C-alpha atoms as a PDB file:
ATOM      1  CA  MET A   1     -22.529  78.469  23.184  1.00  0.00           C
ATOM      2  CA  PRO A   2     -26.026  79.726  21.272  1.00  0.00           C
ATOM      3  CA  LYS A   3     -29.417  78.589  22.420  1.00  0.00           C
ATOM      4  CA  PRO A   4     -31.111  76.094  19.828  1.00  0.00           C
ATOM      5  CA  THR A   5     -33.619  78.012  17.714  1.00  0.00           C
ATOM      6  CA  PRO A   6     -36.573  76.752  17.574  1.00  0.00           C
ATOM      7  CA  LYS A   7     -37.984  74.240  14.449  1.00  0.00           C
ATOM      8  CA  THR A   8     -40.327  75.709  12.240  1.00  0.00           C
ATOM      9  CA  GLU A   9     -42.862  73.689  10.130  1.00  0.00           C
ATOM     10  CA  GLU A  10     -40.993  75.013   6.778  1.00  0.00           C
ATOM     11  CA  ASP A  11     -37.402  73.690   8.947  1.00  0.00           C
ATOM     12  CA  ALA A  12     -38.971  70.021   9.044  1.00  0.00           C
ATOM     13  CA  VAL A  13     -40.499  70.176   5.353  1.00  0.00           C
ATOM     14  CA  ASN A  14     -37.108  71.523   4.195  1.00  0.00           C
ATOM     15  CA  PHE A  15     -35.522  68.296   5.795  1.00  0.00           C
ATOM     16  CA  ALA A  16     -38.067  65.778   4.543  1.00  0.00           C
ATOM     17  CA  THR A  17     -37.274  66.481   1.555  1.00  0.00           C
ATOM     18  CA  LEU A  18     -33.765  66.266   1.694  1.00  0.00           C
ATOM     19  CA  VAL A  19     -33.606  63.092   3.519  1.00  0.00           C
ATOM     20  CA  GLY A  20     -36.664  61.503   2.084  1.00  0.00           C
ATOM     21  CA  PRO A  21     -39.049  59.038   2.844  1.00  0.00           C
ATOM     22  CA  VAL A  22     -37.669  57.368   6.079  1.00  0.00           C
ATOM     23  CA  ARG A  23     -39.182  53.921   8.168  1.00  0.00           C
ATOM     24  CA  PRO A  24     -38.369  53.607  11.461  1.00  0.00           C
ATOM     25  CA  VAL A  25     -35.654  50.727  12.294  1.00  0.00           C
ATOM     26  CA  THR A  26     -37.205  47.615  13.752  1.00  0.00           C
ATOM     27  CA  VAL A  27     -34.451  46.025  16.055  1.00  0.00           C
ATOM     28  CA  ARG A  28     -34.170  41.991  15.385  1.00  0.00           C
ATOM     29  CA  ALA A  29     -32.704  39.727  17.874  1.00  0.00           C
ATOM     30  CA  LEU A  30     -29.197  38.870  17.235  1.00  0.00           C
ATOM     31  CA  PRO A  31     -28.454  35.426  16.663  1.00  0.00           C
ATOM     32  CA  LEU A  32     -26.905  33.348  19.831  1.00  0.00           C
ATOM     33  CA  VAL A  33     -23.300  32.612  19.506  1.00  0.00           C
ATOM     34  CA  LYS A  34     -22.549  29.376  20.497  1.00  0.00           C
ATOM     35  CA  PRO A  35     -20.150  28.681  22.865  1.00  0.00           C
ATOM     36  CA  LYS A  36     -17.335  26.928  21.584  1.00  0.00           C
ATOM     37  CA  PRO A  37     -16.639  23.609  22.545  1.00  0.00           C
ATOM     38  CA  LYS A  38     -13.764  22.023  25.023  1.00  0.00           C
ATOM     39  CA  PRO A  39     -11.075  21.224  22.566  1.00  0.00           C
ATOM     40  CA  LYS A  40     -10.049  17.518  22.035  1.00  0.00           C
ATOM     41  CA  ALA A  41      -7.139  15.650  22.263  1.00  0.00           C
ATOM     42  CA  ARG A  42      -7.070  14.321  18.507  1.00  0.00           C
ATOM     43  CA  PHE A  43      -3.814  14.173  17.851  1.00  0.00           C
ATOM     44  CA  ARG A  44      -3.011  12.008  21.426  1.00  0.00           C
ATOM     45  CA  ARG A  45      -6.473   9.688  20.354  1.00  0.00           C
ATOM     46  CA  LEU A  46      -4.939   9.461  16.657  1.00  0.00           C
ATOM     47  CA  ASP A  47      -1.386   8.088  18.711  1.00  0.00           C
ATOM     48  CA  ASP A  48      -2.867   6.271  21.126  1.00  0.00           C
ATOM     49  CA  ARG A  49      -4.725   4.255  18.839  1.00  0.00           C
ATOM     50  CA  ALA A  50      -1.468   3.680  16.320  1.00  0.00           C
ATOM     51  CA  VAL A  51       0.452   2.689  19.995  1.00  0.00           C
ATOM     52  CA  LEU A  52      -2.657   0.002  20.375  1.00  0.00           C
ATOM     53  CA  GLU A  53      -2.453  -1.003  16.733  1.00  0.00           C
ATOM     54  CA  GLU A  54       1.004  -1.816  16.257  1.00  0.00           C
ATOM     55  CA  SER A  55       0.555  -3.638  19.322  1.00  0.00           C
ATOM     56  CA  LEU A  56      -1.365  -6.078  17.928  1.00  0.00           C
ATOM     57  CA  ARG A  57       0.746  -6.651  14.610  1.00  0.00           C
ATOM     58  CA  HIS A  58       2.387  -9.999  14.777  1.00  0.00           C
ATOM     59  CA  TYR A  59       6.031 -10.231  13.341  1.00  0.00           C
ATOM     60  CA  PRO A  60       6.901 -13.898  12.040  1.00  0.00           C
ATOM     61  CA  GLY A  61       9.922 -15.300  14.275  1.00  0.00           C
ATOM     62  CA  ASP A  62       8.888 -13.074  17.059  1.00  0.00           C
ATOM     63  CA  GLU A  63       7.705 -14.850  19.643  1.00  0.00           C
ATOM     64  CA  TRP A  64      10.732 -15.417  21.290  1.00  0.00           C
ATOM     65  CA  VAL A  65      11.514 -11.522  21.508  1.00  0.00           C
ATOM     66  CA  ASP A  66      10.557 -10.488  25.581  1.00  0.00           C
ATOM     67  CA  THR A  67      11.412  -7.254  26.779  1.00  0.00           C
ATOM     68  CA  GLY A  68      14.588  -9.024  28.126  1.00  0.00           C
ATOM     69  CA  GLU A  69      15.387 -10.522  25.680  1.00  0.00           C
ATOM     70  CA  GLU A  70      18.591 -10.217  23.572  1.00  0.00           C
ATOM     71  CA  LEU A  71      18.639  -9.923  19.446  1.00  0.00           C
ATOM     72  CA  GLN A  72      20.915 -11.858  17.994  1.00  0.00           C
ATOM     73  CA  PHE A  73      21.705 -12.525  14.102  1.00  0.00           C
ATOM     74  CA  ARG A  74      24.056 -13.661  11.831  1.00  0.00           C
ATOM     75  CA  ARG A  75      24.000 -14.977   7.940  1.00  0.00           C
ATOM     76  CA  ASP A  76      25.618 -18.852   7.258  1.00  0.00           C
ATOM     77  CA  TYR A  77      29.035 -17.079   5.913  1.00  0.00           C
ATOM     78  CA  ILE A  78      29.475 -14.870   8.982  1.00  0.00           C
ATOM     79  CA  ALA A  79      31.697 -16.899  11.897  1.00  0.00           C
ATOM     80  CA  SER A  80      29.757 -17.373  15.369  1.00  0.00           C
ATOM     81  CA  ASP A  81      33.358 -15.815  17.085  1.00  0.00           C
ATOM     82  CA  THR A  82      32.107 -12.716  14.796  1.00  0.00           C
ATOM     83  CA  LEU A  83      29.020 -12.349  16.278  1.00  0.00           C
ATOM     84  CA  ARG A  84      30.552 -12.514  19.793  1.00  0.00           C
ATOM     85  CA  LYS A  85      32.881  -9.850  19.650  1.00  0.00           C
ATOM     86  CA  LEU A  86      29.723  -7.892  18.181  1.00  0.00           C
ATOM     87  CA  ARG A  87      28.015  -8.515  21.368  1.00  0.00           C
ATOM     88  CA  ARG A  88      30.645  -7.788  23.279  1.00  0.00           C
ATOM     89  CA  GLY A  89      31.314  -4.238  21.581  1.00  0.00           C
ATOM     90  CA  ASP A  90      34.794  -5.386  19.925  1.00  0.00           C
ATOM     91  CA  PHE A  91      33.412  -3.032  16.885  1.00  0.00           C
ATOM     92  CA  SER A  92      34.129   0.597  16.265  1.00  0.00           C
ATOM     93  CA  VAL A  93      30.733   2.050  16.304  1.00  0.00           C
ATOM     94  CA  GLU A  94      30.440   4.792  12.719  1.00  0.00           C
ATOM     95  CA  SER A  95      27.009   5.890  13.344  1.00  0.00           C
ATOM     96  CA  ASN A  96      23.873   6.006  15.987  1.00  0.00           C
ATOM     97  CA  LEU A  97      20.091   6.066  15.460  1.00  0.00           C
ATOM     98  CA  ASP A  98      17.875   6.540  17.907  1.00  0.00           C
ATOM     99  CA  LEU A  99      13.826   5.426  17.879  1.00  0.00           C
ATOM    100  CA  HIS A 100      12.407   6.048  20.919  1.00  0.00           C
ATOM    101  CA  GLY A 101       8.980   6.821  21.005  1.00  0.00           C
ATOM    102  CA  LEU A 102       7.920   6.575  17.351  1.00  0.00           C
ATOM    103  CA  THR A 103       5.724   4.450  15.741  1.00  0.00           C
ATOM    104  CA  VAL A 104       6.501   0.958  14.417  1.00  0.00           C
ATOM    105  CA  ASP A 105       5.531   3.075  10.661  1.00  0.00           C
ATOM    106  CA  ALA A 106       7.953   6.064  11.570  1.00  0.00           C
ATOM    107  CA  SER A 107      10.895   3.620  12.413  1.00  0.00           C
ATOM    108  CA  ARG A 108      10.603   1.674   9.254  1.00  0.00           C
ATOM    109  CA  GLU A 109      11.192   4.646   7.674  1.00  0.00           C
ATOM    110  CA  LEU A 110      14.014   6.343   9.534  1.00  0.00           C
ATOM    111  CA  LEU A 111      15.787   3.040   9.693  1.00  0.00           C
ATOM    112  CA  LYS A 112      15.695   2.727   6.187  1.00  0.00           C
ATOM    113  CA  ALA A 113      17.093   6.266   4.980  1.00  0.00           C
ATOM    114  CA  PHE A 114      19.668   5.306   7.877  1.00  0.00           C
ATOM    115  CA  LEU A 115      20.784   2.487   6.785  1.00  0.00           C
ATOM    116  CA  PHE A 116      20.830   3.658   3.042  1.00  0.00           C
ATOM    117  CA  ASP A 117      22.991   6.608   4.572  1.00  0.00           C
ATOM    118  CA  CYS A 118      25.393   4.301   6.187  1.00  0.00           C
ATOM    119  CA  ARG A 119      25.341   2.111   2.796  1.00  0.00           C
ATOM    120  CA  LYS A 120      26.869   4.943   1.009  1.00  0.00           C
ATOM    121  CA  ARG A 121      29.051   6.027   3.382  1.00  0.00           C
ATOM    122  CA  HIS A 122      30.800   2.327   3.838  1.00  0.00           C
ATOM    123  CA  LEU A 123      30.573   2.664   7.107  1.00  0.00           C
ATOM    124  CA  GLY A 124      30.631  -1.416   8.695  1.00  0.00           C
ATOM    125  CA  CYS A 125      29.707  -1.179  12.158  1.00  0.00           C
ATOM    126  CA  VAL A 126      26.463   1.014  13.678  1.00  0.00           C
ATOM    127  CA  ARG A 127      24.390   1.107  16.282  1.00  0.00           C
ATOM    128  CA  VAL A 128      20.395   1.354  16.735  1.00  0.00           C
ATOM    129  CA  VAL A 129      18.381   2.494  19.742  1.00  0.00           C
ATOM    130  CA  HIS A 130      14.673   0.821  19.967  1.00  0.00           C
ATOM    131  CA  GLY A 131      14.559   0.713  23.413  1.00  0.00           C
ATOM    132  CA  LYS A 132      13.087  -1.594  25.806  1.00  0.00           C
ATOM    133  CA  GLY A 133       9.521  -0.907  25.034  1.00  0.00           C
ATOM    134  CA  LEU A 134       8.625  -0.902  28.566  1.00  0.00           C
ATOM    135  CA  ARG A 135       5.690   1.809  27.355  1.00  0.00           C
ATOM    136  CA  SER A 136       3.882  -0.949  25.147  1.00  0.00           C
ATOM    137  CA  GLY A 137       1.791  -2.322  26.945  1.00  0.00           C
ATOM    138  CA  PRO A 138       1.241  -6.346  27.382  1.00  0.00           C
ATOM    139  CA  ARG A 139       2.528  -7.182  24.161  1.00  0.00           C
ATOM    140  CA  GLY A 140       6.160  -6.049  24.787  1.00  0.00           C
ATOM    141  CA  PRO A 141       8.801  -4.148  22.686  1.00  0.00           C
ATOM    142  CA  VAL A 142       7.045  -3.358  19.272  1.00  0.00           C
ATOM    143  CA  ILE A 143       9.597  -1.983  17.345  1.00  0.00           C
ATOM    144  CA  LYS A 144      12.465  -4.510  19.213  1.00  0.00           C
ATOM    145  CA  ARG A 145      10.210  -6.856  17.305  1.00  0.00           C
ATOM    146  CA  ALA A 146       9.431  -5.144  14.495  1.00  0.00           C
ATOM    147  CA  ILE A 147      13.557  -4.451  14.010  1.00  0.00           C
ATOM    148  CA  ASN A 148      14.201  -8.043  14.209  1.00  0.00           C
ATOM    149  CA  HIS A 149      12.129  -9.081  11.018  1.00  0.00           C
ATOM    150  CA  TRP A 150      13.664  -6.291   9.096  1.00  0.00           C
ATOM    151  CA  LEU A 151      16.883  -6.108   9.181  1.00  0.00           C
ATOM    152  CA  GLN A 152      17.010  -9.760   8.143  1.00  0.00           C
ATOM    153  CA  ARG A 153      15.838  -8.882   5.236  1.00  0.00           C
ATOM    154  CA  VAL A 154      18.176  -6.712   4.536  1.00  0.00           C
ATOM    155  CA  ASP A 155      20.836  -8.439   2.410  1.00  0.00           C
ATOM    156  CA  PHE A 156      23.877  -6.311   3.034  1.00  0.00           C
ATOM    157  CA  VAL A 157      23.130  -6.510   7.164  1.00  0.00           C
ATOM    158  CA  ILE A 158      25.447  -9.460   8.040  1.00  0.00           C
ATOM    159  CA  ALA A 159      24.657  -9.530  11.528  1.00  0.00           C
ATOM    160  CA  PHE A 160      23.495  -7.999  14.333  1.00  0.00           C
ATOM    161  CA  ALA A 161      23.777  -8.535  18.342  1.00  0.00           C
ATOM    162  CA  SER A 162      22.321  -6.925  21.327  1.00  0.00           C
ATOM    163  CA  ALA A 163      24.988  -3.879  23.032  1.00  0.00           C
ATOM    164  CA  PRO A 164      26.302  -4.675  25.846  1.00  0.00           C
ATOM    165  CA  GLN A 165      24.738  -2.656  29.155  1.00  0.00           C
ATOM    166  CA  ARG A 166      27.103  -0.093  28.788  1.00  0.00           C
ATOM    167  CA  ASP A 167      25.474   1.238  25.340  1.00  0.00           C
ATOM    168  CA  GLY A 168      21.675   0.522  25.915  1.00  0.00           C
ATOM    169  CA  GLY A 169      22.022  -3.186  26.595  1.00  0.00           C
ATOM    170  CA  THR A 170      18.663  -5.019  25.720  1.00  0.00           C
ATOM    171  CA  GLY A 171      17.380  -1.439  24.018  1.00  0.00           C
ATOM    172  CA  ALA A 172      20.032  -1.142  21.629  1.00  0.00           C
ATOM    173  CA  ILE A 173      21.551  -3.583  18.989  1.00  0.00           C
ATOM    174  CA  TYR A 174      24.540  -3.273  17.360  1.00  0.00           C
ATOM    175  CA  VAL A 175      24.508  -3.945  13.256  1.00  0.00           C
ATOM    176  CA  LEU A 176      27.292  -5.001  10.855  1.00  0.00           C
ATOM    177  CA  LEU A 177      26.992  -3.617   7.533  1.00  0.00           C
ATOM    178  CA  ASP A 178      28.700  -5.755   4.217  1.00  0.00           C
ATOM    179  CA  ASN A 179      29.999  -3.139   1.893  1.00  0.00           C
ATOM    180  CA  ARG A 180      30.044  -4.829  -0.968  1.00  0.00           C
ATOM    181  CA  THR A 181      26.708  -5.563  -1.552  1.00  0.00           C
ATOM    182  CA  ASN A 182      24.736  -2.560  -3.823  1.00  0.00           C
ATOM    183  CA  PRO A 183      23.072  -0.501  -1.174  1.00  0.00           C
ATOM    184  CA  LEU A 184      19.898  -0.212  -4.002  1.00  0.00           C
ATOM    185  CA  GLU A 185      18.919  -3.378  -2.199  1.00  0.00           C
ATOM    186  CA  LEU A 186      17.733  -2.342   0.670  1.00  0.00           C
ATOM    187  CA  GLN A 187      14.912  -1.179  -1.688  1.00  0.00           C
ATOM    188  CA  LYS A 188      13.646  -4.214  -2.122  1.00  0.00           C
ATOM    189  CA  HIS A 189      13.397  -5.203   1.483  1.00  0.00           C
ATOM    190  CA  LEU A 190      13.151  -3.164   4.105  1.00  0.00           C
END
């Protein structure tokens, strides 16, 4: 390796003309980067708030519906014997819907879509699993109360009753649908 040659004054002048004027670099302090905040469970808080709000809602006629209470309803023109058969599970269940863990608003939308689809397919008896509301706090089964209220308002729902223990007991209901009515009626009532 060759030894570097000593710099002359002429080399320094040539370098200065090639490079141009220079100034010393000043070192500025770099901005401090703040540590990221710990993640917050934003959606969990929203879910907890939604559950609390749902538990405080009141639906007409739900005063008697408690966690263990059975639901039953029939239109005036439906024989009480039909309701008794429905409660025993004598009808063939043609479709199921499970609403466990959903909010009331989500349950309502799913139930609406489910019933509309069942009507279009001309189904007669379906099962809706709403749960027993064991995690709903002191207000009890929120979705169960809401379903009791909603189904009574749908014209083509002619009867419903809590299922026998083998099919969910008080955490599920059988729903009888009338095939003669217009399925668009659901849009008005639910």
